[in-house]
């Protein structure tokens, strides 16, 4: 491994320690501890692992947690009814519906059904709009985790050129917005690239910061990165690997072996952005529980 690693695992652990201290203070003051719920539909391997890690993370910081499992034949109406139930459950401070969902369920309809103040994934249009407008919002976990990584590792962003590869509503588009904001860890000039971008390698070579969120393993190669750039790898694709006990290896969107020697700083996969996503989800849940973004209803 290289000495220029951005250690997302340790940074996430630091955030969990901070959250746990706040939960201890809430308990000492006789207040309710935050409660995070998760809905898991079907048996997607990646989703199973991710949700299990969320449950463990809740235990780690002292949150209450609830996992609701459904088979992939649940109807859209049934899932929406469960979302509505959680919306009106005063015990639940925030909840997520794990994506992807079965093809017969419209994910946008499900996301829009979640009340913004309980939308700890930060996907609801209300939270997205508030983010764009620069208003306080429950921010999407992975993009805000990327910004937090840059901040806590002292990486200068002001005036830098950031190239984001991938325009999804979950990562690419929101991280491009956050990096362009007039904030301490932001103020970048941002180029958002995607599948229709021409001269992609040439554009990437102009970047001070590259965020790879395209979902294609080892897509970013050495010829796309200028020496000294900061490289943030969001990808986590399972690739068959007979040498692994699990039968697969996790690959990022960056060819780590090629790019790491060039980069001034780089996130590994695993152990980079992934742990930060869960840490920021916990932070959103704490904020929701405390009513920091949306006022809590009077008892």
C-alpha atoms as a PDB file:
ATOM      1  CA  UNK A   1       0.000   0.000   0.000  1.00  0.00           C
ATOM      2  CA  UNK A   2       1.087   3.579  -0.524  1.00  0.00           C
ATOM      3  CA  UNK A   3       1.751   6.339   1.986  1.00  0.00           C
ATOM      4  CA  UNK A   4      -0.648   8.728   0.235  1.00  0.00           C
ATOM      5  CA  UNK A   5      -3.806   6.833   1.197  1.00  0.00           C
ATOM      6  CA  UNK A   6      -6.899   8.732   2.313  1.00  0.00           C
ATOM      7  CA  UNK A   7      -8.030   6.424   5.115  1.00  0.00           C
ATOM      8  CA  UNK A   8     -11.819   6.423   5.026  1.00  0.00           C
ATOM      9  CA  UNK A   9     -12.060   3.602   7.534  1.00  0.00           C
ATOM     10  CA  UNK A  10     -10.221   5.529  10.260  1.00  0.00           C
ATOM     11  CA  UNK A  11     -11.978   8.789   9.442  1.00  0.00           C
ATOM     12  CA  UNK A  12     -15.364   7.062   9.690  1.00  0.00           C
ATOM     13  CA  UNK A  13     -14.316   5.600  13.028  1.00  0.00           C
ATOM     14  CA  UNK A  14     -13.404   9.076  14.287  1.00  0.00           C
ATOM     15  CA  UNK A  15     -16.869  10.341  13.296  1.00  0.00           C
ATOM     16  CA  UNK A  16     -18.537   7.395  15.055  1.00  0.00           C
ATOM     17  CA  UNK A  17     -16.623   8.196  18.245  1.00  0.00           C
ATOM     18  CA  UNK A  18     -17.901  11.784  18.050  1.00  0.00           C
ATOM     19  CA  UNK A  19     -21.486  10.598  17.463  1.00  0.00           C
ATOM     20  CA  UNK A  20     -21.275   8.068  20.307  1.00  0.00           C
ATOM     21  CA  UNK A  21     -20.199  10.865  22.667  1.00  0.00           C
ATOM     22  CA  UNK A  22     -23.287  12.888  21.672  1.00  0.00           C
ATOM     23  CA  UNK A  23     -25.543   9.877  22.203  1.00  0.00           C
ATOM     24  CA  UNK A  24     -24.043   9.383  25.670  1.00  0.00           C
ATOM     25  CA  UNK A  25     -24.816  13.028  26.438  1.00  0.00           C
ATOM     26  CA  UNK A  26     -28.412  12.621  25.211  1.00  0.00           C
ATOM     27  CA  UNK A  27     -28.861   9.596  27.479  1.00  0.00           C
ATOM     28  CA  UNK A  28     -27.371  11.471  30.424  1.00  0.00           C
ATOM     29  CA  UNK A  29     -29.864  14.272  29.842  1.00  0.00           C
ATOM     30  CA  UNK A  30     -32.726  11.764  29.855  1.00  0.00           C
ATOM     31  CA  UNK A  31     -33.461  12.254  26.172  1.00  0.00           C
ATOM     32  CA  UNK A  32     -34.418   9.647  23.583  1.00  0.00           C
ATOM     33  CA  UNK A  33     -31.563   8.034  21.648  1.00  0.00           C
ATOM     34  CA  UNK A  34     -31.724   8.288  17.832  1.00  0.00           C
ATOM     35  CA  UNK A  35     -33.554   5.438  16.081  1.00  0.00           C
ATOM     36  CA  UNK A  36     -32.676   4.444  12.504  1.00  0.00           C
ATOM     37  CA  UNK A  37     -34.790   2.002  10.504  1.00  0.00           C
ATOM     38  CA  UNK A  38     -33.922   0.286   7.238  1.00  0.00           C
ATOM     39  CA  UNK A  39     -36.146  -1.462   4.713  1.00  0.00           C
ATOM     40  CA  UNK A  40     -34.463  -4.231   2.728  1.00  0.00           C
ATOM     41  CA  UNK A  41     -36.319  -5.793  -0.196  1.00  0.00           C
ATOM     42  CA  UNK A  42     -35.001  -9.041  -1.660  1.00  0.00           C
ATOM     43  CA  UNK A  43     -31.593 -10.643  -1.197  1.00  0.00           C
ATOM     44  CA  UNK A  44     -29.102  -8.608  -3.228  1.00  0.00           C
ATOM     45  CA  UNK A  45     -25.655  -9.534  -1.890  1.00  0.00           C
ATOM     46  CA  UNK A  46     -24.286  -6.003  -1.838  1.00  0.00           C
ATOM     47  CA  UNK A  47     -27.406  -4.633  -0.169  1.00  0.00           C
ATOM     48  CA  UNK A  48     -27.353  -7.395   2.453  1.00  0.00           C
ATOM     49  CA  UNK A  49     -23.761  -6.512   3.379  1.00  0.00           C
ATOM     50  CA  UNK A  50     -24.418  -2.790   3.388  1.00  0.00           C
ATOM     51  CA  UNK A  51     -27.511  -2.990   5.576  1.00  0.00           C
ATOM     52  CA  UNK A  52     -25.808  -5.380   7.982  1.00  0.00           C
ATOM     53  CA  UNK A  53     -22.964  -2.879   8.348  1.00  0.00           C
ATOM     54  CA  UNK A  54     -25.494  -0.119   9.038  1.00  0.00           C
ATOM     55  CA  UNK A  55     -27.066  -2.160  11.837  1.00  0.00           C
ATOM     56  CA  UNK A  56     -23.621  -2.829  13.361  1.00  0.00           C
ATOM     57  CA  UNK A  57     -22.751   0.857  13.076  1.00  0.00           C
ATOM     58  CA  UNK A  58     -25.930   1.783  14.971  1.00  0.00           C
ATOM     59  CA  UNK A  59     -24.920  -0.557  17.781  1.00  0.00           C
ATOM     60  CA  UNK A  60     -21.440   0.956  17.756  1.00  0.00           C
ATOM     61  CA  UNK A  61     -22.691   4.520  18.420  1.00  0.00           C
ATOM     62  CA  UNK A  62     -25.602   3.640  20.700  1.00  0.00           C
ATOM     63  CA  UNK A  63     -28.498   4.178  18.287  1.00  0.00           C
ATOM     64  CA  UNK A  64     -31.620   2.082  18.320  1.00  0.00           C
ATOM     65  CA  UNK A  65     -32.097   0.309  14.988  1.00  0.00           C
ATOM     66  CA  UNK A  66     -34.822  -1.629  13.203  1.00  0.00           C
ATOM     67  CA  UNK A  67     -34.362  -3.786  10.093  1.00  0.00           C
ATOM     68  CA  UNK A  68     -37.498  -4.582   8.096  1.00  0.00           C
ATOM     69  CA  UNK A  69     -37.046  -7.373   5.523  1.00  0.00           C
ATOM     70  CA  UNK A  70     -39.350  -8.161   2.612  1.00  0.00           C
ATOM     71  CA  UNK A  71     -39.186 -10.617  -0.252  1.00  0.00           C
ATOM     72  CA  UNK A  72     -38.764  -9.182  -3.741  1.00  0.00           C
ATOM     73  CA  UNK A  73     -42.377  -9.999  -4.600  1.00  0.00           C
ATOM     74  CA  UNK A  74     -43.667  -7.240  -2.307  1.00  0.00           C
ATOM     75  CA  UNK A  75     -45.944  -4.919  -4.268  1.00  0.00           C
ATOM     76  CA  UNK A  76     -45.216  -1.256  -4.731  1.00  0.00           C
ATOM     77  CA  UNK A  77     -48.402  -0.408  -2.832  1.00  0.00           C
ATOM     78  CA  UNK A  78     -47.352  -2.576   0.119  1.00  0.00           C
ATOM     79  CA  UNK A  79     -43.925  -0.947   0.246  1.00  0.00           C
ATOM     80  CA  UNK A  80     -45.409   2.544   0.060  1.00  0.00           C
ATOM     81  CA  UNK A  81     -47.777   1.646   2.896  1.00  0.00           C
ATOM     82  CA  UNK A  82     -44.792   0.634   5.059  1.00  0.00           C
ATOM     83  CA  UNK A  83     -43.012   3.881   4.189  1.00  0.00           C
ATOM     84  CA  UNK A  84     -46.106   5.823   5.253  1.00  0.00           C
ATOM     85  CA  UNK A  85     -46.219   3.867   8.511  1.00  0.00           C
ATOM     86  CA  UNK A  86     -42.602   4.771   9.308  1.00  0.00           C
ATOM     87  CA  UNK A  87     -43.273   8.385   8.354  1.00  0.00           C
ATOM     88  CA  UNK A  88     -45.835   8.589  11.147  1.00  0.00           C
ATOM     89  CA  UNK A  89     -43.992   6.482  13.751  1.00  0.00           C
ATOM     90  CA  UNK A  90     -42.716   8.932  16.407  1.00  0.00           C
ATOM     91  CA  UNK A  91     -40.145   6.389  17.586  1.00  0.00           C
ATOM     92  CA  UNK A  92     -38.348   6.392  14.221  1.00  0.00           C
ATOM     93  CA  UNK A  93     -36.126   9.444  13.664  1.00  0.00           C
ATOM     94  CA  UNK A  94     -34.932   8.464  10.216  1.00  0.00           C
ATOM     95  CA  UNK A  95     -35.145   5.563   7.799  1.00  0.00           C
ATOM     96  CA  UNK A  96     -33.796   4.353   4.492  1.00  0.00           C
ATOM     97  CA  UNK A  97     -35.167   2.126   1.766  1.00  0.00           C
ATOM     98  CA  UNK A  98     -32.166   0.220   0.465  1.00  0.00           C
ATOM     99  CA  UNK A  99     -31.584   0.493  -3.283  1.00  0.00           C
ATOM    100  CA  UNK A 100     -31.735  -1.125  -5.776  1.00  0.00           C
ATOM    101  CA  UNK A 101     -35.384  -2.190  -5.630  1.00  0.00           C
ATOM    102  CA  UNK A 102     -37.066  -4.879  -7.784  1.00  0.00           C
ATOM    103  CA  UNK A 103     -37.909  -3.735 -11.306  1.00  0.00           C
ATOM    104  CA  UNK A 104     -41.659  -3.564 -10.633  1.00  0.00           C
ATOM    105  CA  UNK A 105     -41.162  -0.869  -7.975  1.00  0.00           C
ATOM    106  CA  UNK A 106     -40.489   2.747  -8.992  1.00  0.00           C
ATOM    107  CA  UNK A 107     -37.613   3.940  -6.765  1.00  0.00           C
ATOM    108  CA  UNK A 108     -38.419   7.620  -7.377  1.00  0.00           C
ATOM    109  CA  UNK A 109     -41.974   7.106  -6.146  1.00  0.00           C
ATOM    110  CA  UNK A 110     -40.643   5.435  -2.993  1.00  0.00           C
ATOM    111  CA  UNK A 111     -38.042   8.157  -2.369  1.00  0.00           C
ATOM    112  CA  UNK A 112     -40.631  10.913  -2.779  1.00  0.00           C
ATOM    113  CA  UNK A 113     -42.939   9.125  -0.323  1.00  0.00           C
ATOM    114  CA  UNK A 114     -40.397   9.459   2.510  1.00  0.00           C
ATOM    115  CA  UNK A 115     -40.924  12.550   4.652  1.00  0.00           C
ATOM    116  CA  UNK A 116     -37.970  14.928   4.112  1.00  0.00           C
ATOM    117  CA  UNK A 117     -37.240  15.181   7.831  1.00  0.00           C
ATOM    118  CA  UNK A 118     -36.790  11.373   8.022  1.00  0.00           C
ATOM    119  CA  UNK A 119     -34.927  11.078   4.716  1.00  0.00           C
ATOM    120  CA  UNK A 120     -31.510  10.300   6.178  1.00  0.00           C
ATOM    121  CA  UNK A 121     -30.226   9.066   2.802  1.00  0.00           C
ATOM    122  CA  UNK A 122     -30.700  12.653   1.595  1.00  0.00           C
ATOM    123  CA  UNK A 123     -32.407  11.604  -1.655  1.00  0.00           C
ATOM    124  CA  UNK A 124     -35.785  13.363  -1.316  1.00  0.00           C
ATOM    125  CA  UNK A 125     -36.326  16.247  -3.785  1.00  0.00           C
ATOM    126  CA  UNK A 126     -36.884  18.596  -0.827  1.00  0.00           C
ATOM    127  CA  UNK A 127     -33.429  17.837   0.573  1.00  0.00           C
ATOM    128  CA  UNK A 128     -31.890  17.975  -2.902  1.00  0.00           C
ATOM    129  CA  UNK A 129     -33.497  21.360  -3.543  1.00  0.00           C
ATOM    130  CA  UNK A 130     -32.365  22.749  -0.211  1.00  0.00           C
ATOM    131  CA  UNK A 131     -28.826  21.531  -0.921  1.00  0.00           C
ATOM    132  CA  UNK A 132     -28.813  23.277  -4.310  1.00  0.00           C
ATOM    133  CA  UNK A 133     -30.186  26.474  -2.735  1.00  0.00           C
ATOM    134  CA  UNK A 134     -27.546  26.416  -0.011  1.00  0.00           C
ATOM    135  CA  UNK A 135     -30.092  25.874   2.755  1.00  0.00           C
ATOM    136  CA  UNK A 136     -29.616  23.448   5.651  1.00  0.00           C
ATOM    137  CA  UNK A 137     -30.510  19.940   4.450  1.00  0.00           C
ATOM    138  CA  UNK A 138     -30.050  16.269   5.130  1.00  0.00           C
ATOM    139  CA  UNK A 139     -27.271  15.781   2.584  1.00  0.00           C
ATOM    140  CA  UNK A 140     -26.765  12.594   0.550  1.00  0.00           C
ATOM    141  CA  UNK A 141     -24.413  10.400   2.531  1.00  0.00           C
ATOM    142  CA  UNK A 142     -21.775   9.458  -0.043  1.00  0.00           C
ATOM    143  CA  UNK A 143     -21.256  12.958  -1.508  1.00  0.00           C
ATOM    144  CA  UNK A 144     -21.112  14.580   1.932  1.00  0.00           C
ATOM    145  CA  UNK A 145     -18.752  11.799   3.025  1.00  0.00           C
ATOM    146  CA  UNK A 146     -16.415  12.667   0.153  1.00  0.00           C
ATOM    147  CA  UNK A 147     -16.360  16.326   1.175  1.00  0.00           C
ATOM    148  CA  UNK A 148     -15.751  15.316   4.803  1.00  0.00           C
ATOM    149  CA  UNK A 149     -12.825  13.116   3.747  1.00  0.00           C
ATOM    150  CA  UNK A 150     -11.230  15.990   1.861  1.00  0.00           C
ATOM    151  CA  UNK A 151     -11.766  18.298   4.836  1.00  0.00           C
ATOM    152  CA  UNK A 152     -10.406  15.980   7.503  1.00  0.00           C
ATOM    153  CA  UNK A 153      -7.334  15.134   5.435  1.00  0.00           C
ATOM    154  CA  UNK A 154      -6.485  18.803   4.921  1.00  0.00           C
ATOM    155  CA  UNK A 155      -6.820  18.688   1.144  1.00  0.00           C
ATOM    156  CA  UNK A 156      -7.111  22.173  -0.302  1.00  0.00           C
ATOM    157  CA  UNK A 157     -10.090  22.564  -2.615  1.00  0.00           C
ATOM    158  CA  UNK A 158     -10.595  26.313  -3.043  1.00  0.00           C
ATOM    159  CA  UNK A 159      -9.940  27.344  -6.635  1.00  0.00           C
ATOM    160  CA  UNK A 160      -9.060  23.787  -7.669  1.00  0.00           C
ATOM    161  CA  UNK A 161     -10.445  22.056 -10.737  1.00  0.00           C
ATOM    162  CA  UNK A 162     -12.524  19.011  -9.782  1.00  0.00           C
ATOM    163  CA  UNK A 163     -13.596  16.531 -12.449  1.00  0.00           C
ATOM    164  CA  UNK A 164     -16.486  14.273 -11.460  1.00  0.00           C
ATOM    165  CA  UNK A 165     -17.012  11.190 -13.632  1.00  0.00           C
ATOM    166  CA  UNK A 166     -20.625  10.033 -13.399  1.00  0.00           C
ATOM    167  CA  UNK A 167     -23.856  12.037 -13.119  1.00  0.00           C
ATOM    168  CA  UNK A 168     -26.084   9.844 -10.952  1.00  0.00           C
ATOM    169  CA  UNK A 169     -28.504  11.507  -8.549  1.00  0.00           C
ATOM    170  CA  UNK A 170     -26.949   9.488  -5.728  1.00  0.00           C
ATOM    171  CA  UNK A 171     -23.293  10.510  -6.096  1.00  0.00           C
ATOM    172  CA  UNK A 172     -22.070  12.314  -9.208  1.00  0.00           C
ATOM    173  CA  UNK A 173     -24.517  15.193  -9.503  1.00  0.00           C
ATOM    174  CA  UNK A 174     -24.763  16.021  -5.773  1.00  0.00           C
ATOM    175  CA  UNK A 175     -20.997  15.859  -5.183  1.00  0.00           C
ATOM    176  CA  UNK A 176     -20.476  18.216  -8.124  1.00  0.00           C
ATOM    177  CA  UNK A 177     -22.911  20.647  -6.468  1.00  0.00           C
ATOM    178  CA  UNK A 178     -21.277  20.387  -3.041  1.00  0.00           C
ATOM    179  CA  UNK A 179     -17.761  20.889  -4.403  1.00  0.00           C
ATOM    180  CA  UNK A 180     -18.850  24.062  -6.205  1.00  0.00           C
ATOM    181  CA  UNK A 181     -20.487  25.618  -3.115  1.00  0.00           C
ATOM    182  CA  UNK A 182     -19.021  28.625  -1.305  1.00  0.00           C
ATOM    183  CA  UNK A 183     -17.931  26.518   1.668  1.00  0.00           C
ATOM    184  CA  UNK A 184     -14.618  25.914   3.433  1.00  0.00           C
ATOM    185  CA  UNK A 185     -14.160  22.531   1.772  1.00  0.00           C
ATOM    186  CA  UNK A 186     -15.473  23.390  -1.690  1.00  0.00           C
ATOM    187  CA  UNK A 187     -15.106  26.458  -3.931  1.00  0.00           C
ATOM    188  CA  UNK A 188     -13.958  24.196  -6.756  1.00  0.00           C
ATOM    189  CA  UNK A 189     -14.399  24.788 -10.440  1.00  0.00           C
ATOM    190  CA  UNK A 190     -16.284  21.610 -11.333  1.00  0.00           C
ATOM    191  CA  UNK A 191     -16.556  19.689 -14.595  1.00  0.00           C
ATOM    192  CA  UNK A 192     -19.221  16.968 -14.526  1.00  0.00           C
ATOM    193  CA  UNK A 193     -18.450  14.218 -17.039  1.00  0.00           C
ATOM    194  CA  UNK A 194     -20.587  11.275 -18.144  1.00  0.00           C
ATOM    195  CA  UNK A 195     -21.064   8.637 -20.844  1.00  0.00           C
ATOM    196  CA  UNK A 196     -21.547  11.245 -23.594  1.00  0.00           C
ATOM    197  CA  UNK A 197     -18.504  13.341 -22.675  1.00  0.00           C
ATOM    198  CA  UNK A 198     -16.002  13.707 -25.493  1.00  0.00           C
ATOM    199  CA  UNK A 199     -12.251  13.737 -24.812  1.00  0.00           C
ATOM    200  CA  UNK A 200     -12.824  12.395 -21.296  1.00  0.00           C
ATOM    201  CA  UNK A 201      -9.204  11.401 -20.692  1.00  0.00           C
ATOM    202  CA  UNK A 202      -8.018  14.836 -21.793  1.00  0.00           C
ATOM    203  CA  UNK A 203     -10.462  16.569 -19.440  1.00  0.00           C
ATOM    204  CA  UNK A 204      -9.471  14.330 -16.520  1.00  0.00           C
ATOM    205  CA  UNK A 205      -5.805  15.172 -17.020  1.00  0.00           C
ATOM    206  CA  UNK A 206      -6.620  18.827 -16.262  1.00  0.00           C
ATOM    207  CA  UNK A 207      -8.089  17.956 -12.847  1.00  0.00           C
ATOM    208  CA  UNK A 208      -6.603  18.735  -9.455  1.00  0.00           C
ATOM    209  CA  UNK A 209      -9.252  16.436  -7.945  1.00  0.00           C
ATOM    210  CA  UNK A 210     -10.800  13.450  -9.721  1.00  0.00           C
ATOM    211  CA  UNK A 211     -13.982  11.858  -8.330  1.00  0.00           C
ATOM    212  CA  UNK A 212     -14.670   8.558 -10.098  1.00  0.00           C
ATOM    213  CA  UNK A 213     -18.304   7.494  -9.681  1.00  0.00           C
ATOM    214  CA  UNK A 214     -19.120   5.789 -12.950  1.00  0.00           C
ATOM    215  CA  UNK A 215     -19.667   2.214 -11.732  1.00  0.00           C
ATOM    216  CA  UNK A 216     -17.155   0.630 -14.121  1.00  0.00           C
ATOM    217  CA  UNK A 217     -14.302  -1.271 -12.442  1.00  0.00           C
ATOM    218  CA  UNK A 218     -10.798   0.123 -13.046  1.00  0.00           C
ATOM    219  CA  UNK A 219     -12.117   2.596 -15.640  1.00  0.00           C
ATOM    220  CA  UNK A 220      -9.743   5.392 -14.624  1.00  0.00           C
ATOM    221  CA  UNK A 221      -6.222   4.548 -15.757  1.00  0.00           C
ATOM    222  CA  UNK A 222      -2.842   6.254 -15.415  1.00  0.00           C
ATOM    223  CA  UNK A 223      -3.169   8.113 -18.726  1.00  0.00           C
ATOM    224  CA  UNK A 224      -6.254   9.921 -17.343  1.00  0.00           C
ATOM    225  CA  UNK A 225      -4.600  11.362 -14.218  1.00  0.00           C
ATOM    226  CA  UNK A 226      -1.998  14.071 -14.024  1.00  0.00           C
ATOM    227  CA  UNK A 227       0.808  13.658 -11.470  1.00  0.00           C
ATOM    228  CA  UNK A 228      -0.097  15.171  -8.114  1.00  0.00           C
ATOM    229  CA  UNK A 229      -3.869  14.938  -8.502  1.00  0.00           C
ATOM    230  CA  UNK A 230      -6.142  13.846  -5.645  1.00  0.00           C
ATOM    231  CA  UNK A 231      -8.197  10.793  -6.643  1.00  0.00           C
ATOM    232  CA  UNK A 232     -11.464   9.830  -4.930  1.00  0.00           C
ATOM    233  CA  UNK A 233     -12.724   6.377  -5.957  1.00  0.00           C
ATOM    234  CA  UNK A 234     -16.426   5.834  -5.291  1.00  0.00           C
ATOM    235  CA  UNK A 235     -16.753   2.536  -7.158  1.00  0.00           C
ATOM    236  CA  UNK A 236     -17.495  -0.783  -5.454  1.00  0.00           C
ATOM    237  CA  UNK A 237     -18.105  -3.458  -8.084  1.00  0.00           C
ATOM    238  CA  UNK A 238     -18.001  -7.149  -7.241  1.00  0.00           C
ATOM    239  CA  UNK A 239     -15.665  -8.936  -9.659  1.00  0.00           C
ATOM    240  CA  UNK A 240     -15.299 -12.730  -9.701  1.00  0.00           C
ATOM    241  CA  UNK A 241     -12.065 -13.815  -7.997  1.00  0.00           C
ATOM    242  CA  UNK A 242     -11.497 -17.514  -7.321  1.00  0.00           C
ATOM    243  CA  UNK A 243      -8.596 -16.702  -4.979  1.00  0.00           C
ATOM    244  CA  UNK A 244     -10.981 -15.077  -2.498  1.00  0.00           C
ATOM    245  CA  UNK A 245     -12.972 -17.088   0.030  1.00  0.00           C
ATOM    246  CA  UNK A 246     -16.077 -15.113  -0.926  1.00  0.00           C
ATOM    247  CA  UNK A 247     -15.494 -15.847  -4.614  1.00  0.00           C
ATOM    248  CA  UNK A 248     -15.285 -12.167  -5.509  1.00  0.00           C
ATOM    249  CA  UNK A 249     -13.149  -9.078  -5.035  1.00  0.00           C
ATOM    250  CA  UNK A 250     -14.292  -5.478  -4.673  1.00  0.00           C
ATOM    251  CA  UNK A 251     -12.942  -3.255  -7.408  1.00  0.00           C
ATOM    252  CA  UNK A 252     -13.118   0.508  -7.561  1.00  0.00           C
ATOM    253  CA  UNK A 253     -13.599   2.702 -10.602  1.00  0.00           C
ATOM    254  CA  UNK A 254      -9.874   3.493 -10.530  1.00  0.00           C
ATOM    255  CA  UNK A 255      -7.033   1.177 -11.538  1.00  0.00           C
ATOM    256  CA  UNK A 256      -5.353   1.578  -8.171  1.00  0.00           C
ATOM    257  CA  UNK A 257      -2.040  -0.080  -9.090  1.00  0.00           C
ATOM    258  CA  UNK A 258      -1.560   2.304 -12.019  1.00  0.00           C
ATOM    259  CA  UNK A 259      -2.924   5.518 -10.530  1.00  0.00           C
ATOM    260  CA  UNK A 260      -1.748   5.428  -6.890  1.00  0.00           C
ATOM    261  CA  UNK A 261       1.929   6.132  -7.737  1.00  0.00           C
ATOM    262  CA  UNK A 262       0.841   9.281  -9.607  1.00  0.00           C
ATOM    263  CA  UNK A 263      -1.660  10.665  -7.093  1.00  0.00           C
ATOM    264  CA  UNK A 264      -0.787  12.997  -4.232  1.00  0.00           C
ATOM    265  CA  UNK A 265      -3.653  11.352  -2.317  1.00  0.00           C
ATOM    266  CA  UNK A 266      -6.037   8.521  -3.187  1.00  0.00           C
ATOM    267  CA  UNK A 267      -8.853   6.537  -1.570  1.00  0.00           C
ATOM    268  CA  UNK A 268      -8.528   2.743  -1.579  1.00  0.00           C
ATOM    269  CA  UNK A 269     -11.303   0.245  -2.293  1.00  0.00           C
ATOM    270  CA  UNK A 270     -12.342  -1.070   0.127  1.00  0.00           C
ATOM    271  CA  UNK A 271     -11.627   1.249   3.047  1.00  0.00           C
ATOM    272  CA  UNK A 272     -12.079   4.615   1.362  1.00  0.00           C
ATOM    273  CA  UNK A 273     -15.419   6.227   0.560  1.00  0.00           C
ATOM    274  CA  UNK A 274     -17.544   3.221   1.607  1.00  0.00           C
ATOM    275  CA  UNK A 275     -17.105   3.534   5.387  1.00  0.00           C
ATOM    276  CA  UNK A 276     -17.765   7.274   5.144  1.00  0.00           C
ATOM    277  CA  UNK A 277     -21.174   6.671   3.596  1.00  0.00           C
ATOM    278  CA  UNK A 278     -22.342   4.812   6.694  1.00  0.00           C
ATOM    279  CA  UNK A 279     -20.764   7.368   9.030  1.00  0.00           C
ATOM    280  CA  UNK A 280     -22.580  10.230   7.303  1.00  0.00           C
ATOM    281  CA  UNK A 281     -25.855   8.275   7.389  1.00  0.00           C
ATOM    282  CA  UNK A 282     -25.434   8.053  11.174  1.00  0.00           C
ATOM    283  CA  UNK A 283     -24.681  11.768  11.331  1.00  0.00           C
ATOM    284  CA  UNK A 284     -27.849  12.530   9.345  1.00  0.00           C
ATOM    285  CA  UNK A 285     -29.840  10.356  11.761  1.00  0.00           C
ATOM    286  CA  UNK A 286     -28.417  12.256  14.730  1.00  0.00           C
ATOM    287  CA  UNK A 287     -29.295  15.568  13.084  1.00  0.00           C
ATOM    288  CA  UNK A 288     -32.802  14.335  12.327  1.00  0.00           C
ATOM    289  CA  UNK A 289     -33.268  13.144  15.908  1.00  0.00           C
ATOM    290  CA  UNK A 290     -32.137  16.522  17.269  1.00  0.00           C
ATOM    291  CA  UNK A 291     -34.302  18.465  14.821  1.00  0.00           C
ATOM    292  CA  UNK A 292     -31.320  20.398  13.475  1.00  0.00           C
ATOM    293  CA  UNK A 293     -32.625  20.678   9.899  1.00  0.00           C
ATOM    294  CA  UNK A 294     -36.398  20.379  10.329  1.00  0.00           C
ATOM    295  CA  UNK A 295     -37.974  21.312  13.695  1.00  0.00           C
ATOM    296  CA  UNK A 296     -39.264  18.363  15.671  1.00  0.00           C
ATOM    297  CA  UNK A 297     -43.060  18.394  16.186  1.00  0.00           C
ATOM    298  CA  UNK A 298     -44.197  19.423  19.662  1.00  0.00           C
ATOM    299  CA  UNK A 299     -45.255  16.550  21.900  1.00  0.00           C
END
